[in-house]
Amino acid sequence: MTAAVNPPAGSILRAERVPEFGGDTTWTNLVAAYQGLSAPLRAFVDTLRAEHRYGGSRKVEGDSEYARRINSNLLVAVHPVVRVHPETGERALFVNPGFTSHVVDVHPSESRRILELLYAEITRPEYTVRFRWEPGHVAFWDNRATAHLAPRDLEHLDVERRLHRVTLIGDIPVGPDGRPSELVSGRPFTADHRVVTAV
């Protein structure tokens, strides 16, 4: 949920029921991905900011229940492309194809190319880890330094996979220049945050 001005700091996932095969979860190390860039590219992306919105770059139109839900909970923030971890001081890439719509203040074609390059970097196998679930397993990860990729290999199968998640409210990201993220639409996540399910 990087569309929030204060995205979740961490998440905890506990497996209750998992299939015999498939359903693994993958994470990528966004600090390692940043460090893997060349020095001139790191210096360039340190200066960039990007818009994150619920629904990513896809515009939600129409009067469907899904469109009403998205538009009733409009959530948009502008974040640094590189965030500084508030505890370790490490720099991490802070973009993802699910929520990052575009890099601000550059031409749309440049934004697409910059994001494609960064997405290719964060998905390099050497920065990822794959977790095989068994009942009772618990995973706890830091969303400020990693990106989580849910499994897509079960969608066509008739299997049961039940996991329970706890998400920790996060801080407002800060870039290498000390500038914090900005809320464009919606409101920060709070413990009493509610999502409107229908209008």
N, C-alpha and C. Protein backbone atom coordinates (compact mmCIF):
# COMPACT_ATOMS: atom_id res chain seq x y z
N MET A 1 0.83 -1.20 0.00
CA MET A 1 0.00 0.00 0.00
C MET A 1 0.86 1.26 0.00
N THR A 2 1.77 1.37 -0.97
CA THR A 2 2.63 2.54 -1.02
C THR A 2 1.89 3.79 -1.49
N ALA A 3 0.61 3.66 -1.82
CA ALA A 3 -0.18 4.84 -2.16
C ALA A 3 -0.48 5.68 -0.92
N ALA A 4 -0.30 5.12 0.25
CA ALA A 4 -0.49 5.88 1.49
C ALA A 4 0.72 6.75 1.73
N VAL A 5 0.52 7.90 2.35
CA VAL A 5 1.65 8.78 2.66
C VAL A 5 2.54 8.16 3.73
N ASN A 6 1.97 7.27 4.54
CA ASN A 6 2.73 6.54 5.56
C ASN A 6 2.53 5.04 5.33
N PRO A 7 3.18 4.50 4.30
CA PRO A 7 2.98 3.08 3.97
C PRO A 7 3.33 2.16 5.13
N PRO A 8 2.78 0.96 5.14
CA PRO A 8 3.06 0.02 6.24
C PRO A 8 4.56 -0.17 6.46
N ALA A 9 4.96 -0.17 7.72
CA ALA A 9 6.36 -0.36 8.08
C ALA A 9 6.75 -1.83 7.96
N GLY A 10 5.83 -2.70 8.29
CA GLY A 10 6.13 -4.13 8.26
C GLY A 10 4.85 -4.92 8.19
N SER A 11 4.99 -6.18 7.89
CA SER A 11 3.84 -7.08 7.83
C SER A 11 4.21 -8.42 8.43
N ILE A 12 3.23 -9.06 9.03
CA ILE A 12 3.39 -10.39 9.60
C ILE A 12 2.34 -11.28 8.96
N LEU A 13 2.76 -12.41 8.45
CA LEU A 13 1.86 -13.33 7.78
C LEU A 13 2.02 -14.71 8.41
N ARG A 14 0.88 -15.31 8.79
CA ARG A 14 0.90 -16.64 9.40
C ARG A 14 0.08 -17.59 8.56
N ALA A 15 0.65 -18.74 8.25
CA ALA A 15 -0.04 -19.73 7.43
C ALA A 15 -0.91 -20.63 8.28
N GLU A 16 -2.16 -20.79 7.86
CA GLU A 16 -3.06 -21.73 8.52
C GLU A 16 -3.22 -22.98 7.66
N ARG A 17 -3.61 -22.77 6.39
CA ARG A 17 -3.74 -23.89 5.44
C ARG A 17 -3.01 -23.51 4.17
N VAL A 18 -2.21 -24.44 3.68
CA VAL A 18 -1.48 -24.20 2.44
C VAL A 18 -1.57 -25.44 1.56
N PRO A 19 -1.49 -25.26 0.24
CA PRO A 19 -1.55 -26.40 -0.67
C PRO A 19 -0.26 -27.22 -0.60
N GLU A 20 -0.31 -28.41 -1.14
CA GLU A 20 0.86 -29.29 -1.15
C GLU A 20 1.95 -28.75 -2.05
N PHE A 21 1.57 -27.98 -3.05
CA PHE A 21 2.55 -27.42 -3.98
C PHE A 21 2.11 -26.01 -4.35
N GLY A 22 3.08 -25.18 -4.73
CA GLY A 22 2.79 -23.81 -5.13
C GLY A 22 2.46 -22.93 -3.94
N GLY A 23 2.17 -21.68 -4.23
CA GLY A 23 1.78 -20.74 -3.19
C GLY A 23 2.93 -20.12 -2.43
N ASP A 24 4.16 -20.29 -2.93
CA ASP A 24 5.31 -19.69 -2.26
C ASP A 24 5.22 -18.17 -2.35
N THR A 25 5.86 -17.49 -1.42
CA THR A 25 5.93 -16.03 -1.43
C THR A 25 7.37 -15.62 -1.68
N THR A 26 7.54 -14.55 -2.45
CA THR A 26 8.86 -14.04 -2.77
C THR A 26 9.00 -12.61 -2.25
N TRP A 27 10.19 -12.30 -1.76
CA TRP A 27 10.52 -10.93 -1.37
C TRP A 27 11.77 -10.51 -2.11
N THR A 28 11.90 -9.22 -2.34
CA THR A 28 13.11 -8.69 -2.93
C THR A 28 13.73 -7.66 -1.99
N ASN A 29 15.04 -7.63 -1.95
CA ASN A 29 15.79 -6.73 -1.09
C ASN A 29 16.00 -5.41 -1.84
N LEU A 30 15.26 -4.37 -1.45
CA LEU A 30 15.32 -3.10 -2.16
C LEU A 30 16.58 -2.31 -1.84
N VAL A 31 17.22 -2.60 -0.72
CA VAL A 31 18.51 -1.98 -0.40
C VAL A 31 19.57 -2.54 -1.34
N ALA A 32 19.60 -3.86 -1.50
CA ALA A 32 20.57 -4.49 -2.40
C ALA A 32 20.34 -4.03 -3.84
N ALA A 33 19.07 -3.88 -4.24
CA ALA A 33 18.78 -3.43 -5.60
C ALA A 33 19.31 -2.01 -5.81
N TYR A 34 19.17 -1.15 -4.83
CA TYR A 34 19.71 0.21 -4.93
C TYR A 34 21.23 0.15 -5.03
N GLN A 35 21.86 -0.63 -4.16
CA GLN A 35 23.31 -0.73 -4.15
C GLN A 35 23.86 -1.35 -5.43
N GLY A 36 23.04 -2.14 -6.13
CA GLY A 36 23.46 -2.77 -7.38
C GLY A 36 23.51 -1.81 -8.56
N LEU A 37 22.91 -0.63 -8.41
CA LEU A 37 22.98 0.37 -9.48
C LEU A 37 24.36 1.00 -9.52
N SER A 38 24.76 1.48 -10.68
CA SER A 38 26.04 2.18 -10.80
C SER A 38 25.96 3.49 -10.02
N ALA A 39 27.11 4.03 -9.62
CA ALA A 39 27.15 5.26 -8.83
C ALA A 39 26.45 6.43 -9.53
N PRO A 40 26.66 6.65 -10.85
CA PRO A 40 25.94 7.76 -11.50
C PRO A 40 24.43 7.57 -11.51
N LEU A 41 23.98 6.32 -11.66
CA LEU A 41 22.54 6.07 -11.67
C LEU A 41 21.96 6.25 -10.26
N ARG A 42 22.69 5.81 -9.23
CA ARG A 42 22.24 6.04 -7.86
C ARG A 42 22.10 7.54 -7.59
N ALA A 43 23.08 8.32 -8.03
CA ALA A 43 23.03 9.77 -7.82
C ALA A 43 21.82 10.38 -8.54
N PHE A 44 21.47 9.85 -9.72
CA PHE A 44 20.32 10.35 -10.47
C PHE A 44 19.01 10.00 -9.77
N VAL A 45 18.82 8.72 -9.41
CA VAL A 45 17.53 8.33 -8.82
C VAL A 45 17.35 8.90 -7.41
N ASP A 46 18.46 9.26 -6.75
CA ASP A 46 18.36 9.93 -5.44
C ASP A 46 17.57 11.23 -5.53
N THR A 47 17.52 11.84 -6.71
CA THR A 47 16.87 13.15 -6.87
C THR A 47 15.41 13.04 -7.31
N LEU A 48 14.93 11.84 -7.62
CA LEU A 48 13.61 11.68 -8.22
C LEU A 48 12.52 11.43 -7.18
N ARG A 49 11.31 11.79 -7.58
CA ARG A 49 10.10 11.51 -6.79
C ARG A 49 9.09 10.88 -7.74
N ALA A 50 8.21 10.04 -7.19
CA ALA A 50 7.22 9.35 -8.01
C ALA A 50 5.87 9.35 -7.33
N GLU A 51 4.83 9.39 -8.15
CA GLU A 51 3.47 9.30 -7.62
C GLU A 51 3.08 7.84 -7.47
N HIS A 52 2.49 7.54 -6.32
CA HIS A 52 1.96 6.20 -6.04
C HIS A 52 0.46 6.37 -5.84
N ARG A 53 -0.31 5.52 -6.49
CA ARG A 53 -1.76 5.63 -6.33
C ARG A 53 -2.36 4.24 -6.25
N TYR A 54 -3.45 4.15 -5.51
CA TYR A 54 -4.17 2.88 -5.43
C TYR A 54 -4.71 2.59 -6.82
N GLY A 55 -4.33 1.47 -7.39
CA GLY A 55 -4.70 1.13 -8.76
C GLY A 55 -3.54 1.32 -9.73
N GLY A 56 -2.40 1.80 -9.23
CA GLY A 56 -1.22 1.97 -10.07
C GLY A 56 -1.46 2.98 -11.17
N SER A 57 -0.97 2.68 -12.36
CA SER A 57 -1.10 3.61 -13.48
C SER A 57 -2.41 3.42 -14.22
N ARG A 58 -3.19 2.42 -13.81
CA ARG A 58 -4.46 2.15 -14.50
C ARG A 58 -5.55 3.08 -13.96
N LYS A 59 -6.18 3.82 -14.84
CA LYS A 59 -7.28 4.69 -14.43
C LYS A 59 -8.54 3.84 -14.24
N VAL A 60 -9.20 4.03 -13.11
CA VAL A 60 -10.41 3.25 -12.82
C VAL A 60 -11.62 4.08 -13.23
N GLU A 61 -12.31 3.61 -14.26
CA GLU A 61 -13.48 4.32 -14.76
C GLU A 61 -14.70 3.43 -14.68
N GLY A 62 -15.86 4.02 -14.86
CA GLY A 62 -17.10 3.26 -14.87
C GLY A 62 -17.82 3.32 -13.55
N ASP A 63 -18.89 2.53 -13.46
CA ASP A 63 -19.74 2.54 -12.28
C ASP A 63 -19.81 1.18 -11.61
N SER A 64 -18.77 0.37 -11.83
CA SER A 64 -18.75 -0.96 -11.21
C SER A 64 -18.50 -0.81 -9.71
N GLU A 65 -18.75 -1.88 -8.96
CA GLU A 65 -18.51 -1.87 -7.52
C GLU A 65 -17.03 -1.61 -7.25
N TYR A 66 -16.15 -2.21 -8.08
CA TYR A 66 -14.71 -2.02 -7.93
C TYR A 66 -14.35 -0.55 -8.13
N ALA A 67 -14.85 0.07 -9.20
CA ALA A 67 -14.56 1.48 -9.48
C ALA A 67 -15.07 2.37 -8.34
N ARG A 68 -16.26 2.09 -7.83
CA ARG A 68 -16.81 2.88 -6.72
C ARG A 68 -15.94 2.74 -5.47
N ARG A 69 -15.47 1.52 -5.22
CA ARG A 69 -14.64 1.29 -4.04
C ARG A 69 -13.32 2.06 -4.15
N ILE A 70 -12.68 1.99 -5.31
CA ILE A 70 -11.42 2.70 -5.51
C ILE A 70 -11.63 4.20 -5.38
N ASN A 71 -12.64 4.72 -6.06
CA ASN A 71 -12.86 6.16 -6.07
C ASN A 71 -13.33 6.68 -4.71
N SER A 72 -13.99 5.85 -3.91
CA SER A 72 -14.41 6.26 -2.57
C SER A 72 -13.26 6.23 -1.58
N ASN A 73 -12.20 5.54 -1.92
CA ASN A 73 -11.03 5.43 -1.05
C ASN A 73 -9.78 5.94 -1.77
N LEU A 74 -9.94 6.98 -2.58
CA LEU A 74 -8.83 7.48 -3.38
C LEU A 74 -7.62 7.74 -2.49
N LEU A 75 -6.51 7.17 -2.86
CA LEU A 75 -5.29 7.26 -2.07
C LEU A 75 -4.13 7.52 -3.02
N VAL A 76 -3.52 8.69 -2.89
CA VAL A 76 -2.41 9.09 -3.76
C VAL A 76 -1.36 9.81 -2.93
N ALA A 77 -0.10 9.44 -3.13
CA ALA A 77 1.01 10.11 -2.44
C ALA A 77 2.18 10.23 -3.41
N VAL A 78 3.01 11.24 -3.18
CA VAL A 78 4.26 11.38 -3.92
C VAL A 78 5.39 11.05 -2.95
N HIS A 79 6.19 10.05 -3.33
CA HIS A 79 7.28 9.55 -2.49
C HIS A 79 8.62 9.74 -3.20
N PRO A 80 9.71 9.77 -2.43
CA PRO A 80 11.03 9.73 -3.06
C PRO A 80 11.21 8.37 -3.73
N VAL A 81 11.88 8.34 -4.86
CA VAL A 81 12.16 7.08 -5.56
C VAL A 81 13.14 6.25 -4.74
N VAL A 82 13.95 6.93 -3.94
CA VAL A 82 14.86 6.28 -3.00
C VAL A 82 14.50 6.78 -1.61
N ARG A 83 14.18 5.85 -0.71
CA ARG A 83 13.87 6.26 0.66
C ARG A 83 15.00 5.86 1.58
N VAL A 84 15.20 6.65 2.62
CA VAL A 84 16.23 6.36 3.61
C VAL A 84 15.55 5.65 4.77
N HIS A 85 16.06 4.46 5.10
CA HIS A 85 15.47 3.68 6.20
C HIS A 85 15.63 4.45 7.49
N PRO A 86 14.52 4.66 8.25
CA PRO A 86 14.59 5.49 9.45
C PRO A 86 15.42 4.91 10.59
N GLU A 87 15.69 3.62 10.56
CA GLU A 87 16.47 3.01 11.64
C GLU A 87 17.90 2.70 11.24
N THR A 88 18.10 2.22 10.01
CA THR A 88 19.45 1.81 9.59
C THR A 88 20.18 2.88 8.81
N GLY A 89 19.43 3.84 8.23
CA GLY A 89 20.04 4.87 7.39
C GLY A 89 20.36 4.39 5.99
N GLU A 90 20.04 3.12 5.69
CA GLU A 90 20.31 2.58 4.35
C GLU A 90 19.35 3.18 3.34
N ARG A 91 19.81 3.29 2.10
CA ARG A 91 18.97 3.76 1.02
C ARG A 91 18.38 2.55 0.28
N ALA A 92 17.11 2.66 -0.08
CA ALA A 92 16.41 1.57 -0.76
C ALA A 92 15.57 2.14 -1.89
N LEU A 93 15.51 1.42 -3.00
CA LEU A 93 14.59 1.82 -4.07
C LEU A 93 13.18 1.74 -3.51
N PHE A 94 12.34 2.70 -3.90
CA PHE A 94 10.98 2.73 -3.37
C PHE A 94 9.98 2.96 -4.50
N VAL A 95 9.93 1.98 -5.40
CA VAL A 95 8.96 1.96 -6.51
C VAL A 95 8.45 0.54 -6.64
N ASN A 96 7.24 0.40 -7.17
CA ASN A 96 6.71 -0.93 -7.43
C ASN A 96 5.63 -0.82 -8.51
N PRO A 97 5.51 -1.84 -9.37
CA PRO A 97 4.56 -1.76 -10.48
C PRO A 97 3.09 -1.77 -10.04
N GLY A 98 2.81 -2.18 -8.83
CA GLY A 98 1.43 -2.22 -8.37
C GLY A 98 0.86 -0.87 -8.00
N PHE A 99 1.71 0.06 -7.56
CA PHE A 99 1.23 1.34 -7.08
C PHE A 99 1.90 2.56 -7.69
N THR A 100 3.10 2.44 -8.20
CA THR A 100 3.80 3.61 -8.75
C THR A 100 3.23 3.93 -10.13
N SER A 101 2.66 5.12 -10.26
CA SER A 101 2.04 5.50 -11.55
C SER A 101 3.03 6.18 -12.48
N HIS A 102 3.88 7.07 -11.94
CA HIS A 102 4.85 7.76 -12.80
C HIS A 102 5.87 8.53 -11.96
N VAL A 103 6.99 8.80 -12.58
CA VAL A 103 7.99 9.67 -11.99
C VAL A 103 7.54 11.10 -12.28
N VAL A 104 7.55 11.95 -11.27
CA VAL A 104 7.06 13.32 -11.45
C VAL A 104 8.14 14.20 -12.09
N ASP A 105 7.68 15.25 -12.78
CA ASP A 105 8.53 16.27 -13.39
C ASP A 105 9.42 15.77 -14.52
N VAL A 106 9.08 14.63 -15.12
CA VAL A 106 9.77 14.18 -16.33
C VAL A 106 8.71 13.84 -17.37
N HIS A 107 9.12 13.76 -18.62
CA HIS A 107 8.20 13.41 -19.70
C HIS A 107 7.66 12.00 -19.47
N PRO A 108 6.38 11.73 -19.83
CA PRO A 108 5.82 10.39 -19.62
C PRO A 108 6.65 9.25 -20.22
N SER A 109 7.24 9.47 -21.40
CA SER A 109 8.04 8.40 -22.00
C SER A 109 9.32 8.17 -21.18
N GLU A 110 9.89 9.24 -20.63
CA GLU A 110 11.06 9.09 -19.77
C GLU A 110 10.68 8.37 -18.49
N SER A 111 9.54 8.72 -17.92
CA SER A 111 9.07 8.06 -16.71
C SER A 111 8.93 6.56 -16.92
N ARG A 112 8.32 6.17 -18.03
CA ARG A 112 8.14 4.73 -18.32
C ARG A 112 9.48 4.02 -18.38
N ARG A 113 10.45 4.63 -19.05
CA ARG A 113 11.76 3.99 -19.20
C ARG A 113 12.51 3.91 -17.86
N ILE A 114 12.42 4.97 -17.08
CA ILE A 114 13.08 4.96 -15.77
C ILE A 114 12.47 3.87 -14.89
N LEU A 115 11.14 3.80 -14.86
CA LEU A 115 10.48 2.79 -14.03
C LEU A 115 10.77 1.38 -14.54
N GLU A 116 10.77 1.18 -15.85
CA GLU A 116 11.10 -0.15 -16.40
C GLU A 116 12.49 -0.58 -15.94
N LEU A 117 13.44 0.34 -15.98
CA LEU A 117 14.80 0.03 -15.55
C LEU A 117 14.82 -0.35 -14.07
N LEU A 118 14.13 0.43 -13.24
CA LEU A 118 14.11 0.15 -11.80
C LEU A 118 13.35 -1.13 -11.48
N TYR A 119 12.25 -1.39 -12.18
CA TYR A 119 11.51 -2.64 -11.95
C TYR A 119 12.38 -3.85 -12.33
N ALA A 120 13.12 -3.72 -13.42
CA ALA A 120 14.02 -4.82 -13.82
C ALA A 120 15.07 -5.06 -12.75
N GLU A 121 15.54 -3.98 -12.13
CA GLU A 121 16.56 -4.10 -11.09
C GLU A 121 16.00 -4.78 -9.84
N ILE A 122 14.81 -4.37 -9.40
CA ILE A 122 14.29 -4.92 -8.14
C ILE A 122 13.84 -6.37 -8.30
N THR A 123 13.67 -6.85 -9.51
CA THR A 123 13.24 -8.25 -9.71
C THR A 123 14.39 -9.17 -10.09
N ARG A 124 15.62 -8.69 -10.03
CA ARG A 124 16.76 -9.56 -10.34
C ARG A 124 16.81 -10.70 -9.33
N PRO A 125 16.99 -11.93 -9.80
CA PRO A 125 16.97 -13.09 -8.89
C PRO A 125 17.94 -13.00 -7.72
N GLU A 126 19.09 -12.36 -7.93
CA GLU A 126 20.08 -12.30 -6.84
C GLU A 126 19.63 -11.44 -5.67
N TYR A 127 18.55 -10.66 -5.84
CA TYR A 127 18.03 -9.84 -4.74
C TYR A 127 16.80 -10.45 -4.09
N THR A 128 16.37 -11.61 -4.55
CA THR A 128 15.11 -12.17 -4.07
C THR A 128 15.32 -13.43 -3.22
N VAL A 129 14.30 -13.69 -2.42
CA VAL A 129 14.26 -14.92 -1.63
C VAL A 129 12.84 -15.49 -1.76
N ARG A 130 12.75 -16.80 -1.81
CA ARG A 130 11.46 -17.48 -1.96
C ARG A 130 11.19 -18.29 -0.70
N PHE A 131 9.98 -18.17 -0.18
CA PHE A 131 9.60 -18.82 1.08
C PHE A 131 8.52 -19.86 0.81
N ARG A 132 8.79 -21.09 1.18
CA ARG A 132 7.84 -22.20 1.02
C ARG A 132 7.05 -22.34 2.31
N TRP A 133 5.75 -22.15 2.22
CA TRP A 133 4.87 -22.16 3.39
C TRP A 133 4.52 -23.57 3.84
N GLU A 134 4.41 -23.73 5.16
CA GLU A 134 3.82 -24.91 5.78
C GLU A 134 2.89 -24.39 6.87
N PRO A 135 1.86 -25.16 7.25
CA PRO A 135 0.95 -24.69 8.31
C PRO A 135 1.73 -24.29 9.56
N GLY A 136 1.38 -23.12 10.10
CA GLY A 136 2.04 -22.63 11.30
C GLY A 136 3.24 -21.73 11.03
N HIS A 137 3.75 -21.70 9.81
CA HIS A 137 4.87 -20.83 9.50
C HIS A 137 4.47 -19.36 9.64
N VAL A 138 5.41 -18.54 10.08
CA VAL A 138 5.20 -17.11 10.23
C VAL A 138 6.32 -16.38 9.50
N ALA A 139 5.95 -15.36 8.74
CA ALA A 139 6.94 -14.50 8.07
C ALA A 139 6.71 -13.08 8.56
N PHE A 140 7.78 -12.38 8.85
CA PHE A 140 7.72 -11.00 9.32
C PHE A 140 8.74 -10.22 8.50
N TRP A 141 8.27 -9.22 7.75
CA TRP A 141 9.20 -8.48 6.90
C TRP A 141 9.05 -6.98 7.05
N ASP A 142 10.12 -6.29 6.69
CA ASP A 142 10.23 -4.84 6.78
C ASP A 142 9.90 -4.26 5.41
N ASN A 143 8.74 -3.63 5.29
CA ASN A 143 8.31 -3.05 4.01
C ASN A 143 9.15 -1.85 3.59
N ARG A 144 9.95 -1.32 4.49
CA ARG A 144 10.79 -0.16 4.17
C ARG A 144 12.05 -0.56 3.44
N ALA A 145 12.36 -1.86 3.42
CA ALA A 145 13.58 -2.34 2.78
C ALA A 145 13.34 -3.51 1.84
N THR A 146 12.10 -3.99 1.77
CA THR A 146 11.80 -5.13 0.91
C THR A 146 10.49 -4.88 0.16
N ALA A 147 10.28 -5.65 -0.88
CA ALA A 147 8.99 -5.66 -1.57
C ALA A 147 8.51 -7.11 -1.59
N HIS A 148 7.24 -7.29 -1.40
CA HIS A 148 6.62 -8.60 -1.28
C HIS A 148 5.89 -8.93 -2.57
N LEU A 149 6.07 -10.14 -3.05
CA LEU A 149 5.38 -10.59 -4.26
C LEU A 149 4.52 -11.79 -3.90
N ALA A 150 3.22 -11.59 -3.95
CA ALA A 150 2.30 -12.68 -3.64
C ALA A 150 2.35 -13.72 -4.76
N PRO A 151 2.03 -14.98 -4.45
CA PRO A 151 2.09 -16.02 -5.48
C PRO A 151 0.98 -15.86 -6.51
N ARG A 152 1.30 -16.21 -7.75
CA ARG A 152 0.31 -16.16 -8.83
C ARG A 152 0.12 -17.55 -9.45
N ASP A 153 0.73 -18.56 -8.86
CA ASP A 153 0.70 -19.89 -9.47
C ASP A 153 -0.47 -20.75 -9.01
N LEU A 154 -1.40 -20.19 -8.23
CA LEU A 154 -2.53 -20.97 -7.74
C LEU A 154 -3.87 -20.50 -8.31
N GLU A 155 -3.87 -19.41 -9.04
CA GLU A 155 -5.12 -18.80 -9.48
C GLU A 155 -5.99 -19.73 -10.34
N HIS A 156 -5.37 -20.63 -11.05
CA HIS A 156 -6.11 -21.53 -11.94
C HIS A 156 -6.40 -22.89 -11.30
N LEU A 157 -5.97 -23.07 -10.05
CA LEU A 157 -6.15 -24.36 -9.38
C LEU A 157 -7.22 -24.27 -8.29
N ASP A 158 -7.86 -25.39 -8.04
CA ASP A 158 -8.88 -25.46 -6.99
C ASP A 158 -8.22 -25.99 -5.71
N VAL A 159 -7.47 -25.11 -5.03
CA VAL A 159 -6.79 -25.48 -3.79
C VAL A 159 -7.09 -24.42 -2.74
N GLU A 160 -6.95 -24.80 -1.48
CA GLU A 160 -7.19 -23.85 -0.41
C GLU A 160 -5.86 -23.34 0.15
N ARG A 161 -5.79 -22.03 0.31
CA ARG A 161 -4.62 -21.38 0.90
C ARG A 161 -5.15 -20.30 1.82
N ARG A 162 -4.95 -20.47 3.13
CA ARG A 162 -5.46 -19.50 4.09
C ARG A 162 -4.31 -19.01 4.96
N LEU A 163 -4.05 -17.71 4.87
CA LEU A 163 -3.03 -17.07 5.69
C LEU A 163 -3.65 -15.85 6.35
N HIS A 164 -3.10 -15.45 7.49
CA HIS A 164 -3.62 -14.29 8.22
C HIS A 164 -2.51 -13.24 8.30
N ARG A 165 -2.88 -11.98 8.05
CA ARG A 165 -1.90 -10.90 7.98
C ARG A 165 -2.17 -9.84 9.04
N VAL A 166 -1.08 -9.33 9.59
CA VAL A 166 -1.10 -8.14 10.44
C VAL A 166 -0.18 -7.15 9.76
N THR A 167 -0.66 -5.91 9.58
CA THR A 167 0.14 -4.87 8.94
C THR A 167 0.39 -3.76 9.94
N LEU A 168 1.63 -3.34 10.04
CA LEU A 168 2.04 -2.33 11.01
C LEU A 168 2.04 -0.95 10.35
N ILE A 169 1.43 0.02 11.00
CA ILE A 169 1.38 1.38 10.48
C ILE A 169 2.81 1.91 10.37
N GLY A 170 3.07 2.59 9.26
CA GLY A 170 4.43 3.07 9.01
C GLY A 170 4.61 4.56 9.20
N ASP A 171 5.84 4.97 8.98
CA ASP A 171 6.22 6.37 9.06
C ASP A 171 6.14 6.99 7.66
N ILE A 172 6.32 8.28 7.58
CA ILE A 172 6.34 8.96 6.29
C ILE A 172 7.74 8.85 5.72
N PRO A 173 7.90 8.26 4.51
CA PRO A 173 9.23 8.11 3.92
C PRO A 173 9.93 9.46 3.72
N VAL A 174 11.25 9.39 3.81
CA VAL A 174 12.09 10.56 3.59
C VAL A 174 13.15 10.17 2.57
N GLY A 175 13.41 11.07 1.62
CA GLY A 175 14.41 10.81 0.60
C GLY A 175 15.81 11.21 1.04
N PRO A 176 16.81 10.93 0.20
CA PRO A 176 18.19 11.30 0.52
C PRO A 176 18.38 12.80 0.75
N ASP A 177 17.50 13.62 0.17
CA ASP A 177 17.59 15.08 0.34
C ASP A 177 16.90 15.56 1.62
N GLY A 178 16.34 14.63 2.41
CA GLY A 178 15.66 14.99 3.65
C GLY A 178 14.21 15.40 3.46
N ARG A 179 13.73 15.36 2.23
CA ARG A 179 12.36 15.78 1.93
C ARG A 179 11.39 14.61 2.14
N PRO A 180 10.33 14.81 2.92
CA PRO A 180 9.37 13.72 3.17
C PRO A 180 8.38 13.56 2.02
N SER A 181 7.70 12.44 2.04
CA SER A 181 6.62 12.18 1.08
C SER A 181 5.49 13.18 1.29
N GLU A 182 4.66 13.34 0.26
CA GLU A 182 3.55 14.28 0.32
C GLU A 182 2.24 13.56 0.02
N LEU A 183 1.23 13.86 0.81
CA LEU A 183 -0.11 13.32 0.58
C LEU A 183 -0.79 14.14 -0.51
N VAL A 184 -1.31 13.47 -1.53
CA VAL A 184 -2.02 14.14 -2.61
C VAL A 184 -3.52 13.97 -2.42
N SER A 185 -3.94 12.75 -2.06
CA SER A 185 -5.35 12.47 -1.85
C SER A 185 -5.51 11.37 -0.82
N GLY A 186 -6.59 11.44 -0.06
CA GLY A 186 -6.84 10.45 0.98
C GLY A 186 -6.34 10.97 2.31
N ARG A 187 -6.03 10.04 3.22
CA ARG A 187 -5.53 10.44 4.52
C ARG A 187 -4.53 9.38 4.99
N PRO A 188 -3.66 9.74 5.92
CA PRO A 188 -2.69 8.76 6.42
C PRO A 188 -3.40 7.56 7.05
N PHE A 189 -2.73 6.41 7.03
CA PHE A 189 -3.25 5.23 7.71
C PHE A 189 -3.19 5.47 9.21
N THR A 190 -4.24 5.05 9.90
CA THR A 190 -4.29 5.10 11.36
C THR A 190 -4.84 3.78 11.85
N ALA A 191 -4.79 3.56 13.14
CA ALA A 191 -5.29 2.31 13.71
C ALA A 191 -6.81 2.16 13.50
N ASP A 192 -7.52 3.27 13.34
CA ASP A 192 -8.97 3.18 13.14
C ASP A 192 -9.37 3.36 11.69
N HIS A 193 -8.41 3.20 10.76
CA HIS A 193 -8.67 3.39 9.34
C HIS A 193 -9.72 2.39 8.85
N ARG A 194 -10.70 2.88 8.13
CA ARG A 194 -11.74 2.02 7.57
C ARG A 194 -11.79 2.21 6.06
N VAL A 195 -12.05 1.14 5.35
CA VAL A 195 -12.19 1.19 3.90
C VAL A 195 -13.66 1.12 3.57
N VAL A 196 -14.10 2.02 2.71
CA VAL A 196 -15.49 2.02 2.25
C VAL A 196 -15.63 0.93 1.23
N THR A 197 -16.59 0.02 1.41
CA THR A 197 -16.73 -1.11 0.49
C THR A 197 -17.73 -0.86 -0.61
N ALA A 198 -18.62 0.07 -0.45
CA ALA A 198 -19.60 0.37 -1.49
C ALA A 198 -20.17 1.77 -1.24
N VAL A 199 -20.65 2.37 -2.33
CA VAL A 199 -21.23 3.71 -2.20
C VAL A 199 -22.74 3.58 -2.22
